[in-house]
Amino acid sequence: LYFMGHLHRVGSIQEVFVKDDEYKRKTYVLTGSFLSYKNSYTQYQGLSPIPEAFTRVNIDKDLNTTVNIFNIDQVAPELIK
């Protein structure tokens, strides 16, 4: 499980590989951002607007991972500044 931040993006991807004749997975998670777009350096630099977002990673007893994405405009639009 690998977490990457400061990319102003949110998401995840799994890479499948074989080790000792078994399928294994690496999960890469882009952790999101709490930076508002309006009047921020991302707006001034002309970067694409994205909503504030974060991820929640669930790991079960077999070490399987599930990544859930929470975008502010979908889960709490009243908090958008």
C-alpha atoms as a PDB file:
ATOM      1  CA  LEU A   1       0.000   0.000   0.000  1.00  0.00           C
ATOM      2  CA  TYR A   2       1.563   3.273  -1.185  1.00  0.00           C
ATOM      3  CA  PHE A   3       0.217   6.761  -0.442  1.00  0.00           C
ATOM      4  CA  MET A   4       1.151   9.754  -2.574  1.00  0.00           C
ATOM      5  CA  GLY A   5       0.261  13.331  -1.750  1.00  0.00           C
ATOM      6  CA  HIS A   6       0.786  16.890  -2.962  1.00  0.00           C
ATOM      7  CA  LEU A   7      -0.525  16.025  -6.412  1.00  0.00           C
ATOM      8  CA  HIS A   8      -3.893  17.775  -6.053  1.00  0.00           C
ATOM      9  CA  ARG A   9      -5.613  14.651  -7.346  1.00  0.00           C
ATOM     10  CA  VAL A  10      -7.524  11.845  -5.700  1.00  0.00           C
ATOM     11  CA  GLY A  11      -7.795   8.239  -6.841  1.00  0.00           C
ATOM     12  CA  SER A  12      -6.270   4.793  -6.660  1.00  0.00           C
ATOM     13  CA  ILE A  13      -4.959   2.030  -8.867  1.00  0.00           C
ATOM     14  CA  GLN A  14      -3.926  -1.552  -8.196  1.00  0.00           C
ATOM     15  CA  GLU A  15      -0.945  -3.208  -9.832  1.00  0.00           C
ATOM     16  CA  VAL A  16      -1.149  -7.011 -10.073  1.00  0.00           C
ATOM     17  CA  PHE A  17       1.994  -9.145 -10.091  1.00  0.00           C
ATOM     18  CA  VAL A  18       2.944 -12.772  -9.505  1.00  0.00           C
ATOM     19  CA  LYS A  19       5.178 -13.842  -6.621  1.00  0.00           C
ATOM     20  CA  ASP A  20       5.793 -17.488  -5.746  1.00  0.00           C
ATOM     21  CA  ASP A  21       3.062 -18.523  -8.230  1.00  0.00           C
ATOM     22  CA  GLU A  22       0.466 -16.363  -6.444  1.00  0.00           C
ATOM     23  CA  TYR A  23      -1.231 -13.183  -7.579  1.00  0.00           C
ATOM     24  CA  LYS A  24      -0.309 -10.220  -5.390  1.00  0.00           C
ATOM     25  CA  ARG A  25      -1.401  -6.598  -5.526  1.00  0.00           C
ATOM     26  CA  LYS A  26       0.129  -3.224  -4.816  1.00  0.00           C
ATOM     27  CA  THR A  27      -2.338  -0.426  -4.224  1.00  0.00           C
ATOM     28  CA  TYR A  28      -1.324   3.146  -5.006  1.00  0.00           C
ATOM     29  CA  VAL A  29      -3.455   5.912  -3.500  1.00  0.00           C
ATOM     30  CA  LEU A  30      -3.476   9.603  -4.434  1.00  0.00           C
ATOM     31  CA  THR A  31      -4.558  11.115  -1.131  1.00  0.00           C
ATOM     32  CA  GLY A  32      -6.444  14.171  -2.392  1.00  0.00           C
ATOM     33  CA  SER A  33      -6.330  17.778  -1.321  1.00  0.00           C
ATOM     34  CA  PHE A  34      -8.101  20.173   1.025  1.00  0.00           C
ATOM     35  CA  LEU A  35      -6.987  23.200  -0.968  1.00  0.00           C
ATOM     36  CA  SER A  36      -9.863  25.383  -2.129  1.00  0.00           C
ATOM     37  CA  TYR A  37      -9.624  26.362  -5.778  1.00  0.00           C
ATOM     38  CA  LYS A  38     -10.926  29.932  -5.611  1.00  0.00           C
ATOM     39  CA  ASN A  39      -8.155  32.479  -5.051  1.00  0.00           C
ATOM     40  CA  SER A  40      -5.523  29.749  -4.654  1.00  0.00           C
ATOM     41  CA  TYR A  41      -2.225  29.342  -6.438  1.00  0.00           C
ATOM     42  CA  THR A  42      -3.763  26.513  -8.489  1.00  0.00           C
ATOM     43  CA  GLN A  43      -6.298  28.952  -9.946  1.00  0.00           C
ATOM     44  CA  TYR A  44      -3.643  31.612 -10.555  1.00  0.00           C
ATOM     45  CA  GLN A  45      -1.453  29.095 -12.382  1.00  0.00           C
ATOM     46  CA  GLY A  46      -4.350  28.100 -14.628  1.00  0.00           C
ATOM     47  CA  LEU A  47      -4.555  24.510 -13.362  1.00  0.00           C
ATOM     48  CA  SER A  48      -7.804  22.576 -13.698  1.00  0.00           C
ATOM     49  CA  PRO A  49     -10.237  22.991 -10.827  1.00  0.00           C
ATOM     50  CA  ILE A  50     -10.883  19.908  -8.741  1.00  0.00           C
ATOM     51  CA  PRO A  51     -13.005  19.636  -5.612  1.00  0.00           C
ATOM     52  CA  GLU A  52     -11.484  19.180  -2.206  1.00  0.00           C
ATOM     53  CA  ALA A  53     -11.285  15.436  -1.607  1.00  0.00           C
ATOM     54  CA  PHE A  54      -9.826  12.634   0.480  1.00  0.00           C
ATOM     55  CA  THR A  55      -9.655   8.850   0.461  1.00  0.00           C
ATOM     56  CA  ARG A  56     -10.522   6.230   3.043  1.00  0.00           C
ATOM     57  CA  VAL A  57      -8.748   2.900   2.754  1.00  0.00           C
ATOM     58  CA  ASN A  58     -10.289  -0.234   4.245  1.00  0.00           C
ATOM     59  CA  ILE A  59      -8.103  -3.286   4.803  1.00  0.00           C
ATOM     60  CA  ASP A  60      -9.829  -6.559   5.663  1.00  0.00           C
ATOM     61  CA  LYS A  61      -8.482  -9.521   7.626  1.00  0.00           C
ATOM     62  CA  ASP A  62      -7.029 -11.027   4.408  1.00  0.00           C
ATOM     63  CA  LEU A  63      -5.222  -7.744   3.663  1.00  0.00           C
ATOM     64  CA  ASN A  64      -7.504  -6.943   0.711  1.00  0.00           C
ATOM     65  CA  THR A  65      -7.828  -3.199   0.237  1.00  0.00           C
ATOM     66  CA  THR A  66     -10.782  -1.085  -0.823  1.00  0.00           C
ATOM     67  CA  VAL A  67     -10.311   2.612  -1.516  1.00  0.00           C
ATOM     68  CA  ASN A  68     -13.279   4.961  -1.175  1.00  0.00           C
ATOM     69  CA  ILE A  69     -13.115   8.504  -2.545  1.00  0.00           C
ATOM     70  CA  PHE A  70     -14.965  11.390  -0.939  1.00  0.00           C
ATOM     71  CA  ASN A  71     -15.325  14.595  -2.994  1.00  0.00           C
ATOM     72  CA  ILE A  72     -16.654  17.606  -1.104  1.00  0.00           C
ATOM     73  CA  ASP A  73     -19.138  18.479  -3.862  1.00  0.00           C
ATOM     74  CA  GLN A  74     -20.716  15.030  -3.528  1.00  0.00           C
ATOM     75  CA  VAL A  75     -20.683  14.403   0.226  1.00  0.00           C
ATOM     76  CA  ALA A  76     -20.911  17.903   1.722  1.00  0.00           C
ATOM     77  CA  PRO A  77     -21.652  20.562  -0.927  1.00  0.00           C
ATOM     78  CA  GLU A  78     -22.697  22.989   1.810  1.00  0.00           C
ATOM     79  CA  LEU A  79     -19.015  23.204   2.845  1.00  0.00           C
ATOM     80  CA  ILE A  80     -17.798  24.507  -0.518  1.00  0.00           C
ATOM     81  CA  LYS A  81     -16.412  28.021  -0.072  1.00  0.00           C
END
